[in-house]
Full PDB file with SEQRES, HELIX, SHEET, SSBOND, CRYST1, ORIGX, SCALE, CONECT and MASTER records, all heavy atoms in Angstrom:
SEQRES   1 A   37  THR VAL MET GLY LYS GLY GLY GLN ALA ARG MET ILE PRO          
SEQRES   2 A   37  VAL SER ALA ARG ALA ARG GLU ALA LEU ALA GLU TRP ILE          
SEQRES   3 A   37  LYS LEU ARG PRO SER GLU PRO ALA SER LYS PHE                  
HELIX    1 AA1 LYS A    5  GLY A    7  5                                   3    
HELIX    2 AA2 ALA A   16  LEU A   28  1                                  13    
SHEET    1 AA1 2 VAL A   2  MET A   3  0                                        
SHEET    2 AA1 2 ALA A   9  ARG A  10 -1                                        
CRYST1    1.000    1.000    1.000  90.00  90.00  90.00 P 1           1          
ORIGX1      1.000000  0.000000  0.000000        0.00000                         
ORIGX2      0.000000  1.000000  0.000000        0.00000                         
ORIGX3      0.000000  0.000000  1.000000        0.00000                         
SCALE1      1.000000  0.000000  0.000000        0.00000                         
SCALE2      0.000000  1.000000  0.000000        0.00000                         
SCALE3      0.000000  0.000000  1.000000        0.00000                         
ATOM      1  N   THR A   1     -40.779  65.636 -40.049  1.00  0.00           N  
ATOM      2  CA  THR A   1     -40.232  65.578 -38.690  1.00  0.00           C  
ATOM      3  C   THR A   1     -39.987  67.024 -38.206  1.00  0.00           C  
ATOM      4  O   THR A   1     -39.350  67.826 -38.897  1.00  0.00           O  
ATOM      5  CB  THR A   1     -38.921  64.868 -38.588  1.00  0.00           C  
ATOM      6  OG1 THR A   1     -39.099  63.544 -39.053  1.00  0.00           O  
ATOM      7  CG2 THR A   1     -38.398  64.821 -37.144  1.00  0.00           C  
ATOM      8  N   VAL A   2     -40.570  67.427 -37.069  1.00  0.00           N  
ATOM      9  CA  VAL A   2     -40.463  68.712 -36.522  1.00  0.00           C  
ATOM     10  C   VAL A   2     -39.734  68.711 -35.162  1.00  0.00           C  
ATOM     11  O   VAL A   2     -40.058  67.821 -34.408  1.00  0.00           O  
ATOM     12  CB  VAL A   2     -41.897  69.331 -36.337  1.00  0.00           C  
ATOM     13  CG1 VAL A   2     -41.799  70.717 -35.659  1.00  0.00           C  
ATOM     14  CG2 VAL A   2     -42.614  69.430 -37.636  1.00  0.00           C  
ATOM     15  N   MET A   3     -38.838  69.610 -34.972  1.00  0.00           N  
ATOM     16  CA  MET A   3     -38.178  69.782 -33.725  1.00  0.00           C  
ATOM     17  C   MET A   3     -38.915  70.796 -32.886  1.00  0.00           C  
ATOM     18  O   MET A   3     -38.917  71.985 -33.242  1.00  0.00           O  
ATOM     19  CB  MET A   3     -36.682  70.190 -33.935  1.00  0.00           C  
ATOM     20  CG  MET A   3     -35.883  69.206 -34.699  1.00  0.00           C  
ATOM     21  SD  MET A   3     -35.831  67.535 -33.869  1.00  0.00           S  
ATOM     22  CE  MET A   3     -35.005  67.964 -32.362  1.00  0.00           C  
ATOM     23  N   GLY A   4     -39.545  70.332 -31.869  1.00  0.00           N  
ATOM     24  CA  GLY A   4     -40.428  71.224 -31.040  1.00  0.00           C  
ATOM     25  C   GLY A   4     -39.680  71.745 -29.875  1.00  0.00           C  
ATOM     26  O   GLY A   4     -38.444  71.793 -29.801  1.00  0.00           O  
ATOM     27  N   LYS A   5     -40.391  72.225 -28.874  1.00  0.00           N  
ATOM     28  CA  LYS A   5     -39.834  72.798 -27.639  1.00  0.00           C  
ATOM     29  C   LYS A   5     -38.938  71.855 -26.948  1.00  0.00           C  
ATOM     30  O   LYS A   5     -39.237  70.629 -26.894  1.00  0.00           O  
ATOM     31  CB  LYS A   5     -40.919  73.238 -26.680  1.00  0.00           C  
ATOM     32  CG  LYS A   5     -41.637  74.522 -27.114  1.00  0.00           C  
ATOM     33  CD  LYS A   5     -42.665  75.025 -26.074  1.00  0.00           C  
ATOM     34  CE  LYS A   5     -43.270  76.337 -26.457  1.00  0.00           C  
ATOM     35  NZ  LYS A   5     -44.195  76.778 -25.419  1.00  0.00           N  
ATOM     36  N   GLY A   6     -37.791  72.293 -26.452  1.00  0.00           N  
ATOM     37  CA  GLY A   6     -36.905  71.447 -25.740  1.00  0.00           C  
ATOM     38  C   GLY A   6     -36.176  70.459 -26.652  1.00  0.00           C  
ATOM     39  O   GLY A   6     -35.634  69.430 -26.177  1.00  0.00           O  
ATOM     40  N   GLY A   7     -36.192  70.697 -27.919  1.00  0.00           N  
ATOM     41  CA  GLY A   7     -35.517  69.791 -28.843  1.00  0.00           C  
ATOM     42  C   GLY A   7     -36.238  68.413 -29.085  1.00  0.00           C  
ATOM     43  O   GLY A   7     -35.630  67.440 -29.468  1.00  0.00           O  
ATOM     44  N   GLN A   8     -37.528  68.402 -28.739  1.00  0.00           N  
ATOM     45  CA  GLN A   8     -38.312  67.121 -28.826  1.00  0.00           C  
ATOM     46  C   GLN A   8     -38.818  67.004 -30.307  1.00  0.00           C  
ATOM     47  O   GLN A   8     -39.511  67.908 -30.758  1.00  0.00           O  
ATOM     48  CB  GLN A   8     -39.453  67.123 -27.872  1.00  0.00           C  
ATOM     49  CG  GLN A   8     -39.048  67.181 -26.339  1.00  0.00           C  
ATOM     50  CD  GLN A   8     -38.274  65.895 -25.991  1.00  0.00           C  
ATOM     51  OE1 GLN A   8     -38.656  64.803 -26.280  1.00  0.00           O  
ATOM     52  NE2 GLN A   8     -37.115  66.156 -25.325  1.00  0.00           N  
ATOM     53  N   ALA A   9     -38.483  65.864 -30.917  1.00  0.00           N  
ATOM     54  CA  ALA A   9     -38.974  65.649 -32.273  1.00  0.00           C  
ATOM     55  C   ALA A   9     -40.231  64.977 -32.310  1.00  0.00           C  
ATOM     56  O   ALA A   9     -40.548  64.168 -31.468  1.00  0.00           O  
ATOM     57  CB  ALA A   9     -37.882  64.819 -33.028  1.00  0.00           C  
ATOM     58  N   ARG A  10     -41.145  65.355 -33.280  1.00  0.00           N  
ATOM     59  CA  ARG A  10     -42.402  64.666 -33.471  1.00  0.00           C  
ATOM     60  C   ARG A  10     -42.709  64.608 -34.949  1.00  0.00           C  
ATOM     61  O   ARG A  10     -42.211  65.396 -35.723  1.00  0.00           O  
ATOM     62  CB  ARG A  10     -43.462  65.342 -32.700  1.00  0.00           C  
ATOM     63  CG  ARG A  10     -43.919  66.677 -33.200  1.00  0.00           C  
ATOM     64  CD  ARG A  10     -44.982  67.301 -32.281  1.00  0.00           C  
ATOM     65  NE  ARG A  10     -45.618  68.485 -32.802  1.00  0.00           N  
ATOM     66  CZ  ARG A  10     -45.095  69.694 -32.841  1.00  0.00           C  
ATOM     67  NH1 ARG A  10     -43.881  69.920 -32.309  1.00  0.00           N  
ATOM     68  NH2 ARG A  10     -45.717  70.767 -33.358  1.00  0.00           N  
ATOM     69  N   MET A  11     -43.577  63.670 -35.369  1.00  0.00           N  
ATOM     70  CA  MET A  11     -43.922  63.493 -36.703  1.00  0.00           C  
ATOM     71  C   MET A  11     -45.248  64.238 -36.909  1.00  0.00           C  
ATOM     72  O   MET A  11     -46.192  64.040 -36.114  1.00  0.00           O  
ATOM     73  CB  MET A  11     -44.085  62.014 -37.070  1.00  0.00           C  
ATOM     74  CG  MET A  11     -42.822  61.203 -36.948  1.00  0.00           C  
ATOM     75  SD  MET A  11     -41.543  61.797 -38.117  1.00  0.00           S  
ATOM     76  CE  MET A  11     -42.212  61.168 -39.654  1.00  0.00           C  
ATOM     77  N   ILE A  12     -45.303  64.972 -38.020  1.00  0.00           N  
ATOM     78  CA  ILE A  12     -46.546  65.803 -38.281  1.00  0.00           C  
ATOM     79  C   ILE A  12     -47.068  65.409 -39.616  1.00  0.00           C  
ATOM     80  O   ILE A  12     -46.259  65.449 -40.622  1.00  0.00           O  
ATOM     81  CB  ILE A  12     -46.229  67.284 -38.224  1.00  0.00           C  
ATOM     82  CG1 ILE A  12     -45.831  67.701 -36.868  1.00  0.00           C  
ATOM     83  CG2 ILE A  12     -47.368  68.099 -38.713  1.00  0.00           C  
ATOM     84  CD1 ILE A  12     -46.915  67.568 -35.770  1.00  0.00           C  
ATOM     85  N   PRO A  13     -48.337  65.110 -39.745  1.00  0.00           N  
ATOM     86  CA  PRO A  13     -48.903  64.864 -41.113  1.00  0.00           C  
ATOM     87  C   PRO A  13     -49.036  66.131 -41.905  1.00  0.00           C  
ATOM     88  O   PRO A  13     -49.309  67.230 -41.361  1.00  0.00           O  
ATOM     89  CB  PRO A  13     -50.264  64.283 -40.813  1.00  0.00           C  
ATOM     90  CG  PRO A  13     -50.617  64.796 -39.492  1.00  0.00           C  
ATOM     91  CD  PRO A  13     -49.322  64.918 -38.682  1.00  0.00           C  
ATOM     92  N   VAL A  14     -48.805  66.002 -43.200  1.00  0.00           N  
ATOM     93  CA  VAL A  14     -48.955  67.156 -44.058  1.00  0.00           C  
ATOM     94  C   VAL A  14     -50.100  66.840 -45.106  1.00  0.00           C  
ATOM     95  O   VAL A  14     -50.090  65.806 -45.715  1.00  0.00           O  
ATOM     96  CB  VAL A  14     -47.651  67.449 -44.850  1.00  0.00           C  
ATOM     97  CG1 VAL A  14     -47.853  68.625 -45.835  1.00  0.00           C  
ATOM     98  CG2 VAL A  14     -46.532  67.690 -43.906  1.00  0.00           C  
ATOM     99  N   SER A  15     -51.083  67.737 -45.183  1.00  0.00           N  
ATOM    100  CA  SER A  15     -52.250  67.481 -45.962  1.00  0.00           C  
ATOM    101  C   SER A  15     -51.902  67.461 -47.464  1.00  0.00           C  
ATOM    102  O   SER A  15     -50.877  67.989 -47.886  1.00  0.00           O  
ATOM    103  CB  SER A  15     -53.359  68.569 -45.733  1.00  0.00           C  
ATOM    104  OG  SER A  15     -52.822  69.808 -46.239  1.00  0.00           O  
ATOM    105  N   ALA A  16     -52.762  66.886 -48.227  1.00  0.00           N  
ATOM    106  CA  ALA A  16     -52.511  66.804 -49.737  1.00  0.00           C  
ATOM    107  C   ALA A  16     -52.430  68.243 -50.251  1.00  0.00           C  
ATOM    108  O   ALA A  16     -51.679  68.529 -51.205  1.00  0.00           O  
ATOM    109  CB  ALA A  16     -53.684  66.015 -50.400  1.00  0.00           C  
ATOM    110  N   ARG A  17     -53.247  69.126 -49.719  1.00  0.00           N  
ATOM    111  CA  ARG A  17     -53.287  70.540 -50.191  1.00  0.00           C  
ATOM    112  C   ARG A  17     -51.887  71.156 -49.898  1.00  0.00           C  
ATOM    113  O   ARG A  17     -51.306  71.818 -50.757  1.00  0.00           O  
ATOM    114  CB  ARG A  17     -54.322  71.343 -49.457  1.00  0.00           C  
ATOM    115  CG  ARG A  17     -55.739  71.067 -49.833  1.00  0.00           C  
ATOM    116  CD  ARG A  17     -56.713  71.739 -48.825  1.00  0.00           C  
ATOM    117  NE  ARG A  17     -56.333  73.130 -48.708  1.00  0.00           N  
ATOM    118  CZ  ARG A  17     -57.042  74.127 -49.324  1.00  0.00           C  
ATOM    119  NH1 ARG A  17     -58.052  73.839 -50.100  1.00  0.00           N  
ATOM    120  NH2 ARG A  17     -56.630  75.409 -49.132  1.00  0.00           N  
ATOM    121  N   ALA A  18     -51.393  70.892 -48.682  1.00  0.00           N  
ATOM    122  CA  ALA A  18     -50.077  71.548 -48.291  1.00  0.00           C  
ATOM    123  C   ALA A  18     -48.976  70.911 -49.187  1.00  0.00           C  
ATOM    124  O   ALA A  18     -48.032  71.632 -49.560  1.00  0.00           O  
ATOM    125  CB  ALA A  18     -49.839  71.348 -46.856  1.00  0.00           C  
ATOM    126  N   ARG A  19     -49.024  69.638 -49.432  1.00  0.00           N  
ATOM    127  CA  ARG A  19     -48.054  68.963 -50.244  1.00  0.00           C  
ATOM    128  C   ARG A  19     -47.946  69.508 -51.656  1.00  0.00           C  
ATOM    129  O   ARG A  19     -46.913  69.712 -52.275  1.00  0.00           O  
ATOM    130  CB  ARG A  19     -48.222  67.424 -50.278  1.00  0.00           C  
ATOM    131  CG  ARG A  19     -47.978  66.758 -48.932  1.00  0.00           C  
ATOM    132  CD  ARG A  19     -47.555  65.257 -49.136  1.00  0.00           C  
ATOM    133  NE  ARG A  19     -48.574  64.551 -49.890  1.00  0.00           N  
ATOM    134  CZ  ARG A  19     -49.650  64.045 -49.356  1.00  0.00           C  
ATOM    135  NH1 ARG A  19     -49.879  64.105 -48.048  1.00  0.00           N  
ATOM    136  NH2 ARG A  19     -50.493  63.325 -50.151  1.00  0.00           N  
ATOM    137  N   GLU A  20     -49.159  69.853 -52.202  1.00  0.00           N  
ATOM    138  CA  GLU A  20     -49.207  70.416 -53.515  1.00  0.00           C  
ATOM    139  C   GLU A  20     -48.569  71.778 -53.575  1.00  0.00           C  
ATOM    140  O   GLU A  20     -47.808  72.145 -54.441  1.00  0.00           O  
ATOM    141  CB  GLU A  20     -50.692  70.481 -53.913  1.00  0.00           C  
ATOM    142  CG  GLU A  20     -50.922  70.968 -55.345  1.00  0.00           C  
ATOM    143  CD  GLU A  20     -52.376  70.987 -55.781  1.00  0.00           C  
ATOM    144  OE1 GLU A  20     -53.164  70.291 -55.144  1.00  0.00           O  
ATOM    145  OE2 GLU A  20     -52.709  71.748 -56.695  1.00  0.00           O  
ATOM    146  N   ALA A  21     -48.927  72.596 -52.546  1.00  0.00           N  
ATOM    147  CA  ALA A  21     -48.348  73.934 -52.406  1.00  0.00           C  
ATOM    148  C   ALA A  21     -46.831  73.850 -52.195  1.00  0.00           C  
ATOM    149  O   ALA A  21     -46.022  74.684 -52.730  1.00  0.00           O  
ATOM    150  CB  ALA A  21     -49.029  74.691 -51.316  1.00  0.00           C  
ATOM    151  N   LEU A  22     -46.415  72.895 -51.379  1.00  0.00           N  
ATOM    152  CA  LEU A  22     -44.992  72.726 -51.100  1.00  0.00           C  
ATOM    153  C   LEU A  22     -44.241  72.361 -52.397  1.00  0.00           C  
ATOM    154  O   LEU A  22     -43.087  72.851 -52.645  1.00  0.00           O  
ATOM    155  CB  LEU A  22     -44.778  71.617 -50.013  1.00  0.00           C  
ATOM    156  CG  LEU A  22     -44.715  71.993 -48.566  1.00  0.00           C  
ATOM    157  CD1 LEU A  22     -44.786  70.806 -47.750  1.00  0.00           C  
ATOM    158  CD2 LEU A  22     -43.444  72.805 -48.327  1.00  0.00           C  
ATOM    159  N   ALA A  23     -44.782  71.488 -53.182  1.00  0.00           N  
ATOM    160  CA  ALA A  23     -44.126  71.103 -54.460  1.00  0.00           C  
ATOM    161  C   ALA A  23     -43.876  72.293 -55.326  1.00  0.00           C  
ATOM    162  O   ALA A  23     -42.855  72.437 -55.957  1.00  0.00           O  
ATOM    163  CB  ALA A  23     -44.972  69.992 -55.147  1.00  0.00           C  
ATOM    164  N   GLU A  24     -44.912  73.201 -55.400  1.00  0.00           N  
ATOM    165  CA  GLU A  24     -44.708  74.378 -56.182  1.00  0.00           C  
ATOM    166  C   GLU A  24     -43.711  75.326 -55.568  1.00  0.00           C  
ATOM    167  O   GLU A  24     -42.899  75.931 -56.355  1.00  0.00           O  
ATOM    168  CB  GLU A  24     -46.072  75.127 -56.260  1.00  0.00           C  
ATOM    169  CG  GLU A  24     -46.178  76.266 -57.254  1.00  0.00           C  
ATOM    170  CD  GLU A  24     -45.930  75.823 -58.686  1.00  0.00           C  
ATOM    171  OE1 GLU A  24     -46.204  74.584 -59.039  1.00  0.00           O  
ATOM    172  OE2 GLU A  24     -45.467  76.660 -59.487  1.00  0.00           O  
ATOM    173  N   TRP A  25     -43.666  75.388 -54.255  1.00  0.00           N  
ATOM    174  CA  TRP A  25     -42.657  76.261 -53.595  1.00  0.00           C  
ATOM    175  C   TRP A  25     -41.278  75.753 -53.884  1.00  0.00           C  
ATOM    176  O   TRP A  25     -40.363  76.515 -54.066  1.00  0.00           O  
ATOM    177  CB  TRP A  25     -42.980  76.341 -52.122  1.00  0.00           C  
ATOM    178  CG  TRP A  25     -41.865  76.978 -51.338  1.00  0.00           C  
ATOM    179  CD1 TRP A  25     -41.136  76.368 -50.385  1.00  0.00           C  
ATOM    180  CD2 TRP A  25     -41.390  78.322 -51.407  1.00  0.00           C  
ATOM    181  NE1 TRP A  25     -40.172  77.237 -49.843  1.00  0.00           N  
ATOM    182  CE2 TRP A  25     -40.352  78.417 -50.471  1.00  0.00           C  
ATOM    183  CE3 TRP A  25     -41.704  79.351 -52.228  1.00  0.00           C  
ATOM    184  CZ2 TRP A  25     -39.609  79.590 -50.310  1.00  0.00           C  
ATOM    185  CZ3 TRP A  25     -40.984  80.591 -52.011  1.00  0.00           C  
ATOM    186  CH2 TRP A  25     -39.973  80.689 -51.140  1.00  0.00           C  
ATOM    187  N   ILE A  26     -41.074  74.471 -53.776  1.00  0.00           N  
ATOM    188  CA  ILE A  26     -39.715  73.859 -53.970  1.00  0.00           C  
ATOM    189  C   ILE A  26     -39.201  74.253 -55.355  1.00  0.00           C  
ATOM    190  O   ILE A  26     -37.965  74.529 -55.511  1.00  0.00           O  
ATOM    191  CB  ILE A  26     -39.770  72.320 -53.808  1.00  0.00           C  
ATOM    192  CG1 ILE A  26     -40.168  71.906 -52.368  1.00  0.00           C  
ATOM    193  CG2 ILE A  26     -38.442  71.711 -54.190  1.00  0.00           C  
ATOM    194  CD1 ILE A  26     -39.166  72.438 -51.311  1.00  0.00           C  
ATOM    195  N   LYS A  27     -40.051  74.287 -56.337  1.00  0.00           N  
ATOM    196  CA  LYS A  27     -39.653  74.702 -57.707  1.00  0.00           C  
ATOM    197  C   LYS A  27     -39.173  76.126 -57.716  1.00  0.00           C  
ATOM    198  O   LYS A  27     -38.207  76.472 -58.476  1.00  0.00           O  
ATOM    199  CB  LYS A  27     -40.842  74.527 -58.666  1.00  0.00           C  
ATOM    200  CG  LYS A  27     -41.295  73.110 -58.914  1.00  0.00           C  
ATOM    201  CD  LYS A  27     -42.481  73.097 -59.863  1.00  0.00           C  
ATOM    202  CE  LYS A  27     -43.084  71.698 -59.948  1.00  0.00           C  
ATOM    203  NZ  LYS A  27     -44.338  71.764 -60.740  1.00  0.00           N  
ATOM    204  N   LEU A  28     -39.842  77.003 -56.979  1.00  0.00           N  
ATOM    205  CA  LEU A  28     -39.530  78.443 -56.994  1.00  0.00           C  
ATOM    206  C   LEU A  28     -38.520  78.869 -55.976  1.00  0.00           C  
ATOM    207  O   LEU A  28     -37.967  79.985 -56.048  1.00  0.00           O  
ATOM    208  CB  LEU A  28     -40.863  79.265 -56.790  1.00  0.00           C  
ATOM    209  CG  LEU A  28     -41.931  78.999 -57.835  1.00  0.00           C  
ATOM    210  CD1 LEU A  28     -43.198  79.781 -57.400  1.00  0.00           C  
ATOM    211  CD2 LEU A  28     -41.531  79.494 -59.174  1.00  0.00           C  
ATOM    212  N   ARG A  29     -38.372  78.056 -54.957  1.00  0.00           N  
ATOM    213  CA  ARG A  29     -37.493  78.437 -53.839  1.00  0.00           C  
ATOM    214  C   ARG A  29     -36.135  78.858 -54.322  1.00  0.00           C  
ATOM    215  O   ARG A  29     -35.465  78.202 -55.060  1.00  0.00           O  
ATOM    216  CB  ARG A  29     -37.297  77.221 -52.872  1.00  0.00           C  
ATOM    217  CG  ARG A  29     -36.397  77.508 -51.635  1.00  0.00           C  
ATOM    218  CD  ARG A  29     -36.251  76.195 -50.909  1.00  0.00           C  
ATOM    219  NE  ARG A  29     -35.276  76.343 -49.802  1.00  0.00           N  
ATOM    220  CZ  ARG A  29     -33.971  76.181 -50.000  1.00  0.00           C  
ATOM    221  NH1 ARG A  29     -33.500  75.797 -51.238  1.00  0.00           N  
ATOM    222  NH2 ARG A  29     -33.143  76.278 -48.997  1.00  0.00           N  
ATOM    223  N   PRO A  30     -35.702  80.119 -53.937  1.00  0.00           N  
ATOM    224  CA  PRO A  30     -34.391  80.651 -54.353  1.00  0.00           C  
ATOM    225  C   PRO A  30     -33.202  79.755 -53.842  1.00  0.00           C  
ATOM    226  O   PRO A  30     -33.236  79.325 -52.678  1.00  0.00           O  
ATOM    227  CB  PRO A  30     -34.359  82.037 -53.778  1.00  0.00           C  
ATOM    228  CG  PRO A  30     -35.278  82.029 -52.680  1.00  0.00           C  
ATOM    229  CD  PRO A  30     -36.402  81.053 -53.050  1.00  0.00           C  
ATOM    230  N   SER A  31     -32.265  79.515 -54.679  1.00  0.00           N  
ATOM    231  CA  SER A  31     -31.113  78.705 -54.306  1.00  0.00           C  
ATOM    232  C   SER A  31     -29.915  79.574 -53.847  1.00  0.00           C  
ATOM    233  O   SER A  31     -28.951  79.092 -53.306  1.00  0.00           O  
ATOM    234  CB  SER A  31     -30.641  77.854 -55.471  1.00  0.00           C  
ATOM    235  OG  SER A  31     -30.380  78.613 -56.588  1.00  0.00           O  
ATOM    236  N   GLU A  32     -30.035  80.897 -54.073  1.00  0.00           N  
ATOM    237  CA  GLU A  32     -28.987  81.837 -53.603  1.00  0.00           C  
ATOM    238  C   GLU A  32     -29.620  82.942 -52.802  1.00  0.00           C  
ATOM    239  O   GLU A  32     -30.692  83.444 -53.162  1.00  0.00           O  
ATOM    240  CB  GLU A  32     -28.308  82.423 -54.927  1.00  0.00           C  
ATOM    241  CG  GLU A  32     -27.502  81.426 -55.715  1.00  0.00           C  
ATOM    242  CD  GLU A  32     -26.286  80.902 -54.984  1.00  0.00           C  
ATOM    243  OE1 GLU A  32     -25.843  81.514 -54.070  1.00  0.00           O  
ATOM    244  OE2 GLU A  32     -25.842  79.812 -55.395  1.00  0.00           O  
ATOM    245  N   PRO A  33     -28.990  83.278 -51.655  1.00  0.00           N  
ATOM    246  CA  PRO A  33     -27.728  82.612 -51.096  1.00  0.00           C  
ATOM    247  C   PRO A  33     -28.087  81.246 -50.577  1.00  0.00           C  
ATOM    248  O   PRO A  33     -29.251  80.967 -50.221  1.00  0.00           O  
ATOM    249  CB  PRO A  33     -27.376  83.534 -49.986  1.00  0.00           C  
ATOM    250  CG  PRO A  33     -28.645  84.230 -49.559  1.00  0.00           C  
ATOM    251  CD  PRO A  33     -29.443  84.393 -50.847  1.00  0.00           C  
ATOM    252  N   ALA A  34     -27.118  80.397 -50.541  1.00  0.00           N  
ATOM    253  CA  ALA A  34     -27.303  79.024 -50.065  1.00  0.00           C  
ATOM    254  C   ALA A  34     -27.861  78.968 -48.638  1.00  0.00           C  
ATOM    255  O   ALA A  34     -27.407  79.735 -47.811  1.00  0.00           O  
ATOM    256  CB  ALA A  34     -25.952  78.250 -50.158  1.00  0.00           C  
ATOM    257  N   SER A  35     -28.885  78.156 -48.446  1.00  0.00           N  
ATOM    258  CA  SER A  35     -29.470  78.045 -47.123  1.00  0.00           C  
ATOM    259  C   SER A  35     -30.024  76.659 -46.954  1.00  0.00           C  
ATOM    260  O   SER A  35     -30.478  76.057 -47.878  1.00  0.00           O  
ATOM    261  CB  SER A  35     -30.592  79.050 -46.949  1.00  0.00           C  
ATOM    262  OG  SER A  35     -31.278  78.831 -45.760  1.00  0.00           O  
ATOM    263  N   LYS A  36     -29.912  76.128 -45.721  1.00  0.00           N  
ATOM    264  CA  LYS A  36     -30.424  74.809 -45.434  1.00  0.00           C  
ATOM    265  C   LYS A  36     -31.924  74.824 -45.065  1.00  0.00           C  
ATOM    266  O   LYS A  36     -32.514  73.713 -44.908  1.00  0.00           O  
ATOM    267  CB  LYS A  36     -29.645  74.124 -44.256  1.00  0.00           C  
ATOM    268  CG  LYS A  36     -29.850  74.855 -42.947  1.00  0.00           C  
ATOM    269  CD  LYS A  36     -29.123  74.175 -41.812  1.00  0.00           C  
ATOM    270  CE  LYS A  36     -29.387  74.875 -40.476  1.00  0.00           C  
ATOM    271  NZ  LYS A  36     -28.747  74.152 -39.374  1.00  0.00           N  
ATOM    272  N   PHE A  37     -32.500  76.096 -45.017  1.00  0.00           N  
ATOM    273  CA  PHE A  37     -33.855  76.127 -44.479  1.00  0.00           C  
ATOM    274  C   PHE A  37     -34.861  76.101 -45.668  1.00  0.00           C  
ATOM    275  O   PHE A  37     -34.603  76.524 -46.803  1.00  0.00           O  
ATOM    276  CB  PHE A  37     -34.011  77.400 -43.705  1.00  0.00           C  
ATOM    277  CG  PHE A  37     -33.177  77.430 -42.447  1.00  0.00           C  
ATOM    278  CD1 PHE A  37     -32.071  78.213 -42.376  1.00  0.00           C  
ATOM    279  CD2 PHE A  37     -33.564  76.674 -41.352  1.00  0.00           C  
ATOM    280  CE1 PHE A  37     -31.314  78.227 -41.271  1.00  0.00           C  
ATOM    281  CE2 PHE A  37     -32.778  76.628 -40.235  1.00  0.00           C  
ATOM    282  CZ  PHE A  37     -31.682  77.443 -40.156  1.00  0.00           C  
TER     283      PHE A  37                                                      
MASTER        0    0    0    2    2    0    0    6  282    1    0    3          
END                                                                             
């Protein structure tokens, strides 16, 4: 779910390639300092 211009939400598909890269990023993503992003 993406919040676009004017605060309008829309659903965006994520490719299998991007999901694979995302999974690797989640493992490496720094936890400090704490961030919701």
